[in-house]
Amino acid sequence: MPIKDIIKWQWEGYAKFHKSRSNLWLHIFAVPIFIAGSVLLFFTVFNFSVLLLIVSILLMAVSLAVQGIGHNEEALPPEPFTGLLNAVTRILLEQLYTFPKFVISGGWYAAYKNS
């Protein structure tokens, strides 16, 4: 599936997979940690450091683990991944684009009020 189709698909279903207050709160704290880990990983490419590499991967992994805990609180579980490329693409798009858009557009606050 092309990236633009994945973005559209994620956005259209995002609110229905993010209704639990605890999951919303976990995401509002965990996604910025993932973003920080991603930025750190990007800088590691230019200034290779094993320590920075480990820290960036740990930040991203902890963030995803916390979000996974939050998704266990949802009545509707996330759609399963269809493979490794699908998993990486969906995770990166959700963390770096879809969730920030959800927050900026007011979707997070609306979901929180409606939960």
PDB file of N, CA and C in Angstrom:
ATOM      1  N   MET A   1       0.856  -1.170   0.000  1.00  0.00           N
ATOM      2  CA  MET A   1       0.000   0.000   0.000  1.00  0.00           C
ATOM      3  C   MET A   1       0.907   1.240   0.000  1.00  0.00           C
ATOM      4  N   PRO A   2       0.637   2.196  -0.875  1.00  0.00           N
ATOM      5  CA  PRO A   2       1.444   3.426  -0.889  1.00  0.00           C
ATOM      6  C   PRO A   2       1.324   4.202   0.427  1.00  0.00           C
ATOM      7  N   ILE A   3       2.372   4.951   0.736  1.00  0.00           N
ATOM      8  CA  ILE A   3       2.415   5.696   1.999  1.00  0.00           C
ATOM      9  C   ILE A   3       1.221   6.627   2.140  1.00  0.00           C
ATOM     10  N   LYS A   4       0.843   7.325   1.074  1.00  0.00           N
ATOM     11  CA  LYS A   4      -0.289   8.253   1.185  1.00  0.00           C
ATOM     12  C   LYS A   4      -1.577   7.514   1.526  1.00  0.00           C
ATOM     13  N   ASP A   5      -1.716   6.277   1.068  1.00  0.00           N
ATOM     14  CA  ASP A   5      -2.900   5.481   1.406  1.00  0.00           C
ATOM     15  C   ASP A   5      -2.858   5.030   2.868  1.00  0.00           C
ATOM     16  N   ILE A   6      -1.664   4.704   3.349  1.00  0.00           N
ATOM     17  CA  ILE A   6      -1.529   4.318   4.763  1.00  0.00           C
ATOM     18  C   ILE A   6      -1.865   5.508   5.653  1.00  0.00           C
ATOM     19  N   ILE A   7      -1.372   6.690   5.286  1.00  0.00           N
ATOM     20  CA  ILE A   7      -1.666   7.892   6.066  1.00  0.00           C
ATOM     21  C   ILE A   7      -3.171   8.139   6.103  1.00  0.00           C
ATOM     22  N   LYS A   8      -3.817   8.044   4.960  1.00  0.00           N
ATOM     23  CA  LYS A   8      -5.273   8.252   4.894  1.00  0.00           C
ATOM     24  C   LYS A   8      -6.007   7.210   5.735  1.00  0.00           C
ATOM     25  N   TRP A   9      -5.600   5.950   5.607  1.00  0.00           N
ATOM     26  CA  TRP A   9      -6.231   4.859   6.350  1.00  0.00           C
ATOM     27  C   TRP A   9      -6.048   5.056   7.858  1.00  0.00           C
ATOM     28  N   GLN A  10      -4.818   5.426   8.269  1.00  0.00           N
ATOM     29  CA  GLN A  10      -4.577   5.664   9.695  1.00  0.00           C
ATOM     30  C   GLN A  10      -5.450   6.798  10.203  1.00  0.00           C
ATOM     31  N   TRP A  11      -5.481   7.881   9.466  1.00  0.00           N
ATOM     32  CA  TRP A  11      -6.213   9.054   9.927  1.00  0.00           C
ATOM     33  C   TRP A  11      -7.709   8.778  10.028  1.00  0.00           C
ATOM     34  N   GLU A  12      -8.265   8.101   9.053  1.00  0.00           N
ATOM     35  CA  GLU A  12      -9.707   7.829   9.044  1.00  0.00           C
ATOM     36  C   GLU A  12     -10.139   6.958  10.219  1.00  0.00           C
ATOM     37  N   GLY A  13      -9.263   6.074  10.680  1.00  0.00           N
ATOM     38  CA  GLY A  13      -9.642   5.192  11.779  1.00  0.00           C
ATOM     39  C   GLY A  13      -9.014   5.535  13.115  1.00  0.00           C
ATOM     40  N   TYR A  14      -8.250   6.607  13.151  1.00  0.00           N
ATOM     41  CA  TYR A  14      -7.444   6.885  14.341  1.00  0.00           C
ATOM     42  C   TYR A  14      -8.279   7.051  15.604  1.00  0.00           C
ATOM     43  N   ALA A  15      -9.324   7.836  15.532  1.00  0.00           N
ATOM     44  CA  ALA A  15     -10.131   8.115  16.729  1.00  0.00           C
ATOM     45  C   ALA A  15     -10.798   6.852  17.276  1.00  0.00           C
ATOM     46  N   LYS A  16     -11.176   5.927  16.409  1.00  0.00           N
ATOM     47  CA  LYS A  16     -11.864   4.729  16.913  1.00  0.00           C
ATOM     48  C   LYS A  16     -10.914   3.776  17.640  1.00  0.00           C
ATOM     49  N   PHE A  17      -9.602   3.889  17.381  1.00  0.00           N
ATOM     50  CA  PHE A  17      -8.614   3.047  18.060  1.00  0.00           C
ATOM     51  C   PHE A  17      -7.985   3.749  19.261  1.00  0.00           C
ATOM     52  N   HIS A  18      -8.390   4.992  19.514  1.00  0.00           N
ATOM     53  CA  HIS A  18      -7.827   5.783  20.617  1.00  0.00           C
ATOM     54  C   HIS A  18      -8.969   6.461  21.376  1.00  0.00           C
ATOM     55  N   LYS A  19      -9.648   5.684  22.211  1.00  0.00           N
ATOM     56  CA  LYS A  19     -10.776   6.197  22.974  1.00  0.00           C
ATOM     57  C   LYS A  19     -10.570   6.118  24.481  1.00  0.00           C
ATOM     58  N   SER A  20      -9.718   5.239  24.928  1.00  0.00           N
ATOM     59  CA  SER A  20      -9.485   5.048  26.356  1.00  0.00           C
ATOM     60  C   SER A  20      -8.687   6.219  26.911  1.00  0.00           C
ATOM     61  N   ARG A  21      -9.156   6.773  28.031  1.00  0.00           N
ATOM     62  CA  ARG A  21      -8.440   7.897  28.646  1.00  0.00           C
ATOM     63  C   ARG A  21      -7.010   7.530  29.013  1.00  0.00           C
ATOM     64  N   SER A  22      -6.833   6.344  29.562  1.00  0.00           N
ATOM     65  CA  SER A  22      -5.465   5.957  29.947  1.00  0.00           C
ATOM     66  C   SER A  22      -4.584   5.820  28.716  1.00  0.00           C
ATOM     67  N   ASN A  23      -5.109   5.266  27.634  1.00  0.00           N
ATOM     68  CA  ASN A  23      -4.333   5.143  26.405  1.00  0.00           C
ATOM     69  C   ASN A  23      -4.010   6.525  25.823  1.00  0.00           C
ATOM     70  N   LEU A  24      -4.966   7.428  25.868  1.00  0.00           N
ATOM     71  CA  LEU A  24      -4.730   8.788  25.372  1.00  0.00           C
ATOM     72  C   LEU A  24      -3.620   9.466  26.172  1.00  0.00           C
ATOM     73  N   TRP A  25      -3.663   9.313  27.502  1.00  0.00           N
ATOM     74  CA  TRP A  25      -2.619   9.921  28.340  1.00  0.00           C
ATOM     75  C   TRP A  25      -1.256   9.277  28.087  1.00  0.00           C
ATOM     76  N   LEU A  26      -1.238   7.966  27.961  1.00  0.00           N
ATOM     77  CA  LEU A  26       0.039   7.294  27.693  1.00  0.00           C
ATOM     78  C   LEU A  26       0.616   7.770  26.363  1.00  0.00           C
ATOM     79  N   HIS A  27      -0.229   7.919  25.362  1.00  0.00           N
ATOM     80  CA  HIS A  27       0.242   8.381  24.058  1.00  0.00           C
ATOM     81  C   HIS A  27       0.768   9.820  24.117  1.00  0.00           C
ATOM     82  N   ILE A  28       0.087  10.679  24.858  1.00  0.00           N
ATOM     83  CA  ILE A  28       0.501  12.087  24.884  1.00  0.00           C
ATOM     84  C   ILE A  28       1.898  12.241  25.499  1.00  0.00           C
ATOM     85  N   PHE A  29       2.291  11.306  26.345  1.00  0.00           N
ATOM     86  CA  PHE A  29       3.639  11.343  26.924  1.00  0.00           C
ATOM     87  C   PHE A  29       4.627  10.466  26.152  1.00  0.00           C
ATOM     88  N   ALA A  30       4.157   9.325  25.651  1.00  0.00           N
ATOM     89  CA  ALA A  30       5.071   8.364  25.020  1.00  0.00           C
ATOM     90  C   ALA A  30       5.473   8.753  23.599  1.00  0.00           C
ATOM     91  N   VAL A  31       4.560   9.329  22.844  1.00  0.00           N
ATOM     92  CA  VAL A  31       4.906   9.681  21.461  1.00  0.00           C
ATOM     93  C   VAL A  31       6.036  10.714  21.400  1.00  0.00           C
ATOM     94  N   PRO A  32       6.014  11.773  22.231  1.00  0.00           N
ATOM     95  CA  PRO A  32       7.169  12.682  22.202  1.00  0.00           C
ATOM     96  C   PRO A  32       8.493  11.989  22.555  1.00  0.00           C
ATOM     97  N   ILE A  33       8.432  10.971  23.391  1.00  0.00           N
ATOM     98  CA  ILE A  33       9.651  10.210  23.707  1.00  0.00           C
ATOM     99  C   ILE A  33      10.130   9.461  22.463  1.00  0.00           C
ATOM    100  N   PHE A  34       9.188   8.887  21.717  1.00  0.00           N
ATOM    101  CA  PHE A  34       9.554   8.212  20.461  1.00  0.00           C
ATOM    102  C   PHE A  34      10.161   9.220  19.486  1.00  0.00           C
ATOM    103  N   ILE A  35       9.540  10.393  19.382  1.00  0.00           N
ATOM    104  CA  ILE A  35      10.050  11.426  18.473  1.00  0.00           C
ATOM    105  C   ILE A  35      11.461  11.848  18.888  1.00  0.00           C
ATOM    106  N   ALA A  36      11.672  12.025  20.183  1.00  0.00           N
ATOM    107  CA  ALA A  36      13.017  12.380  20.672  1.00  0.00           C
ATOM    108  C   ALA A  36      14.020  11.284  20.319  1.00  0.00           C
ATOM    109  N   GLY A  37      13.627  10.045  20.493  1.00  0.00           N
ATOM    110  CA  GLY A  37      14.506   8.930  20.124  1.00  0.00           C
ATOM    111  C   GLY A  37      14.806   8.912  18.637  1.00  0.00           C
ATOM    112  N   SER A  38      13.817   9.247  17.821  1.00  0.00           N
ATOM    113  CA  SER A  38      14.003   9.291  16.367  1.00  0.00           C
ATOM    114  C   SER A  38      14.962  10.398  15.967  1.00  0.00           C
ATOM    115  N   VAL A  39      14.795  11.561  16.584  1.00  0.00           N
ATOM    116  CA  VAL A  39      15.695  12.685  16.301  1.00  0.00           C
ATOM    117  C   VAL A  39      17.113  12.320  16.727  1.00  0.00           C
ATOM    118  N   LEU A  40      17.242  11.722  17.886  1.00  0.00           N
ATOM    119  CA  LEU A  40      18.562  11.311  18.368  1.00  0.00           C
ATOM    120  C   LEU A  40      19.179  10.274  17.427  1.00  0.00           C
ATOM    121  N   LEU A  41      18.363   9.345  16.949  1.00  0.00           N
ATOM    122  CA  LEU A  41      18.851   8.343  16.004  1.00  0.00           C
ATOM    123  C   LEU A  41      19.330   9.014  14.714  1.00  0.00           C
ATOM    124  N   PHE A  42      18.600  10.006  14.252  1.00  0.00           N
ATOM    125  CA  PHE A  42      18.993  10.759  13.057  1.00  0.00           C
ATOM    126  C   PHE A  42      20.361  11.413  13.261  1.00  0.00           C
ATOM    127  N   PHE A  43      20.556  12.050  14.409  1.00  0.00           N
ATOM    128  CA  PHE A  43      21.847  12.692  14.684  1.00  0.00           C
ATOM    129  C   PHE A  43      22.970  11.678  14.867  1.00  0.00           C
ATOM    130  N   THR A  44      22.625  10.486  15.288  1.00  0.00           N
ATOM    131  CA  THR A  44      23.624   9.437  15.453  1.00  0.00           C
ATOM    132  C   THR A  44      24.245   9.065  14.102  1.00  0.00           C
ATOM    133  N   VAL A  45      23.460   9.213  13.032  1.00  0.00           N
ATOM    134  CA  VAL A  45      23.976   8.923  11.695  1.00  0.00           C
ATOM    135  C   VAL A  45      25.154   9.846  11.364  1.00  0.00           C
ATOM    136  N   PHE A  46      25.064  11.109  11.786  1.00  0.00           N
ATOM    137  CA  PHE A  46      26.106  12.083  11.480  1.00  0.00           C
ATOM    138  C   PHE A  46      27.257  12.084  12.495  1.00  0.00           C
ATOM    139  N   ASN A  47      26.954  11.665  13.697  1.00  0.00           N
ATOM    140  CA  ASN A  47      27.955  11.674  14.758  1.00  0.00           C
ATOM    141  C   ASN A  47      27.880  10.314  15.448  1.00  0.00           C
ATOM    142  N   PHE A  48      28.367   9.300  14.758  1.00  0.00           N
ATOM    143  CA  PHE A  48      28.168   7.947  15.267  1.00  0.00           C
ATOM    144  C   PHE A  48      28.732   7.784  16.666  1.00  0.00           C
ATOM    145  N   SER A  49      27.835   7.352  17.520  1.00  0.00           N
ATOM    146  CA  SER A  49      28.191   7.074  18.902  1.00  0.00           C
ATOM    147  C   SER A  49      27.367   5.870  19.340  1.00  0.00           C
ATOM    148  N   VAL A  50      28.029   4.874  19.830  1.00  0.00           N
ATOM    149  CA  VAL A  50      27.328   3.677  20.283  1.00  0.00           C
ATOM    150  C   VAL A  50      26.359   4.037  21.408  1.00  0.00           C
ATOM    151  N   LEU A  51      26.787   4.913  22.300  1.00  0.00           N
ATOM    152  CA  LEU A  51      25.918   5.328  23.406  1.00  0.00           C
ATOM    153  C   LEU A  51      24.653   6.006  22.887  1.00  0.00           C
ATOM    154  N   LEU A  52      24.799   6.947  21.953  1.00  0.00           N
ATOM    155  CA  LEU A  52      23.621   7.627  21.387  1.00  0.00           C
ATOM    156  C   LEU A  52      22.722   6.642  20.656  1.00  0.00           C
ATOM    157  N   LEU A  53      23.314   5.702  19.969  1.00  0.00           N
ATOM    158  CA  LEU A  53      22.540   4.687  19.259  1.00  0.00           C
ATOM    159  C   LEU A  53      21.710   3.869  20.246  1.00  0.00           C
ATOM    160  N   ILE A  54      22.330   3.437  21.313  1.00  0.00           N
ATOM    161  CA  ILE A  54      21.628   2.640  22.330  1.00  0.00           C
ATOM    162  C   ILE A  54      20.523   3.462  22.986  1.00  0.00           C
ATOM    163  N   VAL A  55      20.835   4.695  23.361  1.00  0.00           N
ATOM    164  CA  VAL A  55      19.829   5.553  24.011  1.00  0.00           C
ATOM    165  C   VAL A  55      18.656   5.800  23.077  1.00  0.00           C
ATOM    166  N   SER A  56      18.918   6.096  21.813  1.00  0.00           N
ATOM    167  CA  SER A  56      17.831   6.379  20.879  1.00  0.00           C
ATOM    168  C   SER A  56      16.930   5.160  20.683  1.00  0.00           C
ATOM    169  N   ILE A  57      17.538   4.000  20.543  1.00  0.00           N
ATOM    170  CA  ILE A  57      16.748   2.772  20.367  1.00  0.00           C
ATOM    171  C   ILE A  57      15.953   2.462  21.627  1.00  0.00           C
ATOM    172  N   LEU A  58      16.559   2.665  22.790  1.00  0.00           N
ATOM    173  CA  LEU A  58      15.835   2.432  24.051  1.00  0.00           C
ATOM    174  C   LEU A  58      14.648   3.385  24.199  1.00  0.00           C
ATOM    175  N   LEU A  59      14.849   4.652  23.866  1.00  0.00           N
ATOM    176  CA  LEU A  59      13.742   5.620  23.949  1.00  0.00           C
ATOM    177  C   LEU A  59      12.578   5.182  23.064  1.00  0.00           C
ATOM    178  N   MET A  60      12.892   4.798  21.846  1.00  0.00           N
ATOM    179  CA  MET A  60      11.845   4.385  20.917  1.00  0.00           C
ATOM    180  C   MET A  60      11.159   3.098  21.386  1.00  0.00           C
ATOM    181  N   ALA A  61      11.947   2.142  21.870  1.00  0.00           N
ATOM    182  CA  ALA A  61      11.381   0.867  22.320  1.00  0.00           C
ATOM    183  C   ALA A  61      10.499   1.045  23.550  1.00  0.00           C
ATOM    184  N   VAL A  62      10.969   1.833  24.517  1.00  0.00           N
ATOM    185  CA  VAL A  62      10.167   2.073  25.726  1.00  0.00           C
ATOM    186  C   VAL A  62       8.870   2.780  25.357  1.00  0.00           C
ATOM    187  N   SER A  63       8.958   3.757  24.472  1.00  0.00           N
ATOM    188  CA  SER A  63       7.765   4.472  24.034  1.00  0.00           C
ATOM    189  C   SER A  63       6.747   3.509  23.424  1.00  0.00           C
ATOM    190  N   LEU A  64       7.206   2.636  22.545  1.00  0.00           N
ATOM    191  CA  LEU A  64       6.287   1.688  21.908  1.00  0.00           C
ATOM    192  C   LEU A  64       5.718   0.698  22.918  1.00  0.00           C
ATOM    193  N   ALA A  65       6.530   0.279  23.867  1.00  0.00           N
ATOM    194  CA  ALA A  65       6.038  -0.650  24.896  1.00  0.00           C
ATOM    195  C   ALA A  65       4.944   0.010  25.734  1.00  0.00           C
ATOM    196  N   VAL A  66       5.155   1.260  26.112  1.00  0.00           N
ATOM    197  CA  VAL A  66       4.149   1.990  26.903  1.00  0.00           C
ATOM    198  C   VAL A  66       2.859   2.146  26.096  1.00  0.00           C
ATOM    199  N   GLN A  67       3.011   2.480  24.817  1.00  0.00           N
ATOM    200  CA  GLN A  67       1.820   2.625  23.983  1.00  0.00           C
ATOM    201  C   GLN A  67       1.093   1.289  23.807  1.00  0.00           C
ATOM    202  N   GLY A  68       1.859   0.212  23.734  1.00  0.00           N
ATOM    203  CA  GLY A  68       1.247  -1.117  23.647  1.00  0.00           C
ATOM    204  C   GLY A  68       0.414  -1.425  24.875  1.00  0.00           C
ATOM    205  N   ILE A  69       0.910  -1.025  26.041  1.00  0.00           N
ATOM    206  CA  ILE A  69       0.137  -1.186  27.278  1.00  0.00           C
ATOM    207  C   ILE A  69      -1.159  -0.395  27.182  1.00  0.00           C
ATOM    208  N   GLY A  70      -1.051   0.825  26.666  1.00  0.00           N
ATOM    209  CA  GLY A  70      -2.244   1.662  26.504  1.00  0.00           C
ATOM    210  C   GLY A  70      -3.252   1.052  25.558  1.00  0.00           C
ATOM    211  N   HIS A  71      -2.769   0.450  24.493  1.00  0.00           N
ATOM    212  CA  HIS A  71      -3.696  -0.155  23.527  1.00  0.00           C
ATOM    213  C   HIS A  71      -4.421  -1.358  24.113  1.00  0.00           C
ATOM    214  N   ASN A  72      -3.867  -1.967  25.162  1.00  0.00           N
ATOM    215  CA  ASN A  72      -4.572  -3.062  25.836  1.00  0.00           C
ATOM    216  C   ASN A  72      -5.822  -2.570  26.537  1.00  0.00           C
ATOM    217  N   GLU A  73      -5.905  -1.267  26.796  1.00  0.00           N
ATOM    218  CA  GLU A  73      -7.076  -0.669  27.448  1.00  0.00           C
ATOM    219  C   GLU A  73      -8.197  -0.360  26.463  1.00  0.00           C
ATOM    220  N   GLU A  74      -7.913  -0.443  25.189  1.00  0.00           N
ATOM    221  CA  GLU A  74      -8.896  -0.098  24.167  1.00  0.00           C
ATOM    222  C   GLU A  74      -9.861  -1.254  23.911  1.00  0.00           C
ATOM    223  N   ALA A  75     -11.107  -0.901  23.663  1.00  0.00           N
ATOM    224  CA  ALA A  75     -12.108  -1.916  23.316  1.00  0.00           C
ATOM    225  C   ALA A  75     -11.811  -2.511  21.940  1.00  0.00           C
ATOM    226  N   LEU A  76     -11.242  -1.702  21.053  1.00  0.00           N
ATOM    227  CA  LEU A  76     -10.925  -2.139  19.699  1.00  0.00           C
ATOM    228  C   LEU A  76      -9.408  -2.205  19.544  1.00  0.00           C
ATOM    229  N   PRO A  77      -8.860  -3.406  19.388  1.00  0.00           N
ATOM    230  CA  PRO A  77      -7.402  -3.515  19.255  1.00  0.00           C
ATOM    231  C   PRO A  77      -6.932  -2.991  17.897  1.00  0.00           C
ATOM    232  N   PRO A  78      -5.655  -2.607  17.800  1.00  0.00           N
ATOM    233  CA  PRO A  78      -5.134  -2.134  16.510  1.00  0.00           C
ATOM    234  C   PRO A  78      -5.184  -3.232  15.455  1.00  0.00           C
ATOM    235  N   GLU A  79      -5.252  -2.800  14.206  1.00  0.00           N
ATOM    236  CA  GLU A  79      -5.199  -3.751  13.098  1.00  0.00           C
ATOM    237  C   GLU A  79      -3.840  -4.444  13.121  1.00  0.00           C
ATOM    238  N   PRO A  80      -3.811  -5.749  12.907  1.00  0.00           N
ATOM    239  CA  PRO A  80      -2.520  -6.453  12.914  1.00  0.00           C
ATOM    240  C   PRO A  80      -1.646  -6.031  11.730  1.00  0.00           C
ATOM    241  N   PHE A  81      -0.349  -6.108  11.936  1.00  0.00           N
ATOM    242  CA  PHE A  81       0.592  -5.817  10.868  1.00  0.00           C
ATOM    243  C   PHE A  81       0.588  -6.972   9.880  1.00  0.00           C
ATOM    244  N   THR A  82       0.836  -6.642   8.620  1.00  0.00           N
ATOM    245  CA  THR A  82       0.857  -7.685   7.589  1.00  0.00           C
ATOM    246  C   THR A  82       2.268  -8.153   7.265  1.00  0.00           C
ATOM    247  N   GLY A  83       3.253  -7.527   7.888  1.00  0.00           N
ATOM    248  CA  GLY A  83       4.641  -7.908   7.656  1.00  0.00           C
ATOM    249  C   GLY A  83       5.560  -6.875   8.279  1.00  0.00           C
ATOM    250  N   LEU A  84       6.850  -7.107   8.172  1.00  0.00           N
ATOM    251  CA  LEU A  84       7.832  -6.217   8.783  1.00  0.00           C
ATOM    252  C   LEU A  84       7.796  -4.822   8.171  1.00  0.00           C
ATOM    253  N   LEU A  85       7.761  -4.726   6.855  1.00  0.00           N
ATOM    254  CA  LEU A  85       7.722  -3.415   6.202  1.00  0.00           C
ATOM    255  C   LEU A  85       6.455  -2.657   6.578  1.00  0.00           C
ATOM    256  N   ASN A  86       5.335  -3.354   6.625  1.00  0.00           N
ATOM    257  CA  ASN A  86       4.078  -2.742   7.034  1.00  0.00           C
ATOM    258  C   ASN A  86       4.172  -2.244   8.465  1.00  0.00           C
ATOM    259  N   ALA A  87       4.771  -3.019   9.349  1.00  0.00           N
ATOM    260  CA  ALA A  87       4.905  -2.624  10.754  1.00  0.00           C
ATOM    261  C   ALA A  87       5.770  -1.384  10.891  1.00  0.00           C
ATOM    262  N   VAL A  88       6.927  -1.383  10.269  1.00  0.00           N
ATOM    263  CA  VAL A  88       7.841  -0.238  10.377  1.00  0.00           C
ATOM    264  C   VAL A  88       7.195   1.011   9.790  1.00  0.00           C
ATOM    265  N   THR A  89       6.586   0.879   8.626  1.00  0.00           N
ATOM    266  CA  THR A  89       5.957   2.026   7.969  1.00  0.00           C
ATOM    267  C   THR A  89       4.829   2.589   8.815  1.00  0.00           C
ATOM    268  N   ARG A  90       3.943   1.727   9.278  1.00  0.00           N
ATOM    269  CA  ARG A  90       2.805   2.198  10.088  1.00  0.00           C
ATOM    270  C   ARG A  90       3.255   2.825  11.389  1.00  0.00           C
ATOM    271  N   ILE A  91       4.228   2.221  12.051  1.00  0.00           N
ATOM    272  CA  ILE A  91       4.712   2.760  13.332  1.00  0.00           C
ATOM    273  C   ILE A  91       5.336   4.134  13.116  1.00  0.00           C
ATOM    274  N   LEU A  92       6.221   4.249  12.140  1.00  0.00           N
ATOM    275  CA  LEU A  92       6.866   5.543  11.898  1.00  0.00           C
ATOM    276  C   LEU A  92       5.854   6.619  11.516  1.00  0.00           C
ATOM    277  N   LEU A  93       4.924   6.273  10.642  1.00  0.00           N
ATOM    278  CA  LEU A  93       3.915   7.263  10.235  1.00  0.00           C
ATOM    279  C   LEU A  93       3.030   7.670  11.405  1.00  0.00           C
ATOM    280  N   GLU A  94       2.638   6.706  12.226  1.00  0.00           N
ATOM    281  CA  GLU A  94       1.786   7.053  13.366  1.00  0.00           C
ATOM    282  C   GLU A  94       2.529   7.950  14.348  1.00  0.00           C
ATOM    283  N   GLN A  95       3.750   7.593  14.664  1.00  0.00           N
ATOM    284  CA  GLN A  95       4.502   8.331  15.672  1.00  0.00           C
ATOM    285  C   GLN A  95       4.918   9.720  15.206  1.00  0.00           C
ATOM    286  N   LEU A  96       5.330   9.818  13.950  1.00  0.00           N
ATOM    287  CA  LEU A  96       5.917  11.063  13.463  1.00  0.00           C
ATOM    288  C   LEU A  96       4.929  11.959  12.724  1.00  0.00           C
ATOM    289  N   TYR A  97       3.773  11.405  12.349  1.00  0.00           N
ATOM    290  CA  TYR A  97       2.810  12.214  11.596  1.00  0.00           C
ATOM    291  C   TYR A  97       1.385  12.141  12.155  1.00  0.00           C
ATOM    292  N   THR A  98       0.815  10.941  12.187  1.00  0.00           N
ATOM    293  CA  THR A  98      -0.608  10.813  12.502  1.00  0.00           C
ATOM    294  C   THR A  98      -0.931  11.254  13.924  1.00  0.00           C
ATOM    295  N   PHE A  99      -0.187  10.785  14.922  1.00  0.00           N
ATOM    296  CA  PHE A  99      -0.508  11.203  16.289  1.00  0.00           C
ATOM    297  C   PHE A  99      -0.272  12.693  16.498  1.00  0.00           C
ATOM    298  N   PRO A 100       0.856  13.259  16.054  1.00  0.00           N
ATOM    299  CA  PRO A 100       0.994  14.717  16.189  1.00  0.00           C
ATOM    300  C   PRO A 100      -0.158  15.473  15.513  1.00  0.00           C
ATOM    301  N   LYS A 101      -0.593  15.014  14.348  1.00  0.00           N
ATOM    302  CA  LYS A 101      -1.733  15.640  13.660  1.00  0.00           C
ATOM    303  C   LYS A 101      -3.005  15.497  14.505  1.00  0.00           C
ATOM    304  N   PHE A 102      -3.173  14.342  15.134  1.00  0.00           N
ATOM    305  CA  PHE A 102      -4.325  14.080  15.995  1.00  0.00           C
ATOM    306  C   PHE A 102      -4.365  15.079  17.150  1.00  0.00           C
ATOM    307  N   VAL A 103      -3.212  15.372  17.708  1.00  0.00           N
ATOM    308  CA  VAL A 103      -3.132  16.332  18.817  1.00  0.00           C
ATOM    309  C   VAL A 103      -3.372  17.749  18.316  1.00  0.00           C
ATOM    310  N   ILE A 104      -2.643  18.149  17.273  1.00  0.00           N
ATOM    311  CA  ILE A 104      -2.732  19.521  16.771  1.00  0.00           C
ATOM    312  C   ILE A 104      -4.127  19.848  16.242  1.00  0.00           C
ATOM    313  N   SER A 105      -4.788  18.873  15.641  1.00  0.00           N
ATOM    314  CA  SER A 105      -6.118  19.109  15.066  1.00  0.00           C
ATOM    315  C   SER A 105      -7.222  19.170  16.126  1.00  0.00           C
ATOM    316  N   GLY A 106      -6.878  18.844  17.353  1.00  0.00           N
ATOM    317  CA  GLY A 106      -7.887  18.811  18.414  1.00  0.00           C
ATOM    318  C   GLY A 106      -8.522  17.447  18.605  1.00  0.00           C
ATOM    319  N   GLY A 107      -8.107  16.473  17.812  1.00  0.00           N
ATOM    320  CA  GLY A 107      -8.671  15.125  17.913  1.00  0.00           C
ATOM    321  C   GLY A 107      -8.392  14.463  19.249  1.00  0.00           C
ATOM    322  N   TRP A 108      -7.183  14.681  19.785  1.00  0.00           N
ATOM    323  CA  TRP A 108      -6.843  14.089  21.073  1.00  0.00           C
ATOM    324  C   TRP A 108      -7.761  14.641  22.160  1.00  0.00           C
ATOM    325  N   TYR A 109      -7.922  15.945  22.176  1.00  0.00           N
ATOM    326  CA  TYR A 109      -8.750  16.587  23.209  1.00  0.00           C
ATOM    327  C   TYR A 109     -10.208  16.160  23.064  1.00  0.00           C
ATOM    328  N   ALA A 110     -10.699  16.084  21.844  1.00  0.00           N
ATOM    329  CA  ALA A 110     -12.082  15.637  21.608  1.00  0.00           C
ATOM    330  C   ALA A 110     -12.255  14.191  22.076  1.00  0.00           C
ATOM    331  N   ALA A 111     -11.288  13.334  21.756  1.00  0.00           N
ATOM    332  CA  ALA A 111     -11.375  11.937  22.192  1.00  0.00           C
ATOM    333  C   ALA A 111     -11.338  11.846  23.707  1.00  0.00           C
ATOM    334  N   TYR A 112     -10.511  12.683  24.335  1.00  0.00           N
ATOM    335  CA  TYR A 112     -10.411  12.679  25.786  1.00  0.00           C
ATOM    336  C   TYR A 112     -11.727  13.142  26.423  1.00  0.00           C
ATOM    337  N   LYS A 113     -12.323  14.193  25.884  1.00  0.00           N
ATOM    338  CA  LYS A 113     -13.602  14.682  26.411  1.00  0.00           C
ATOM    339  C   LYS A 113     -14.715  13.665  26.231  1.00  0.00           C
ATOM    340  N   ASN A 114     -14.658  12.923  25.150  1.00  0.00           N
ATOM    341  CA  ASN A 114     -15.717  11.949  24.854  1.00  0.00           C
ATOM    342  C   ASN A 114     -15.506  10.597  25.536  1.00  0.00           C
ATOM    343  N   SER A 115     -14.363  10.417  26.194  1.00  0.00           N
ATOM    344  CA  SER A 115     -14.100   9.124  26.823  1.00  0.00           C
ATOM    345  C   SER A 115     -14.675   9.066  28.228  1.00  0.00           C
TER     346      SER A 115
END
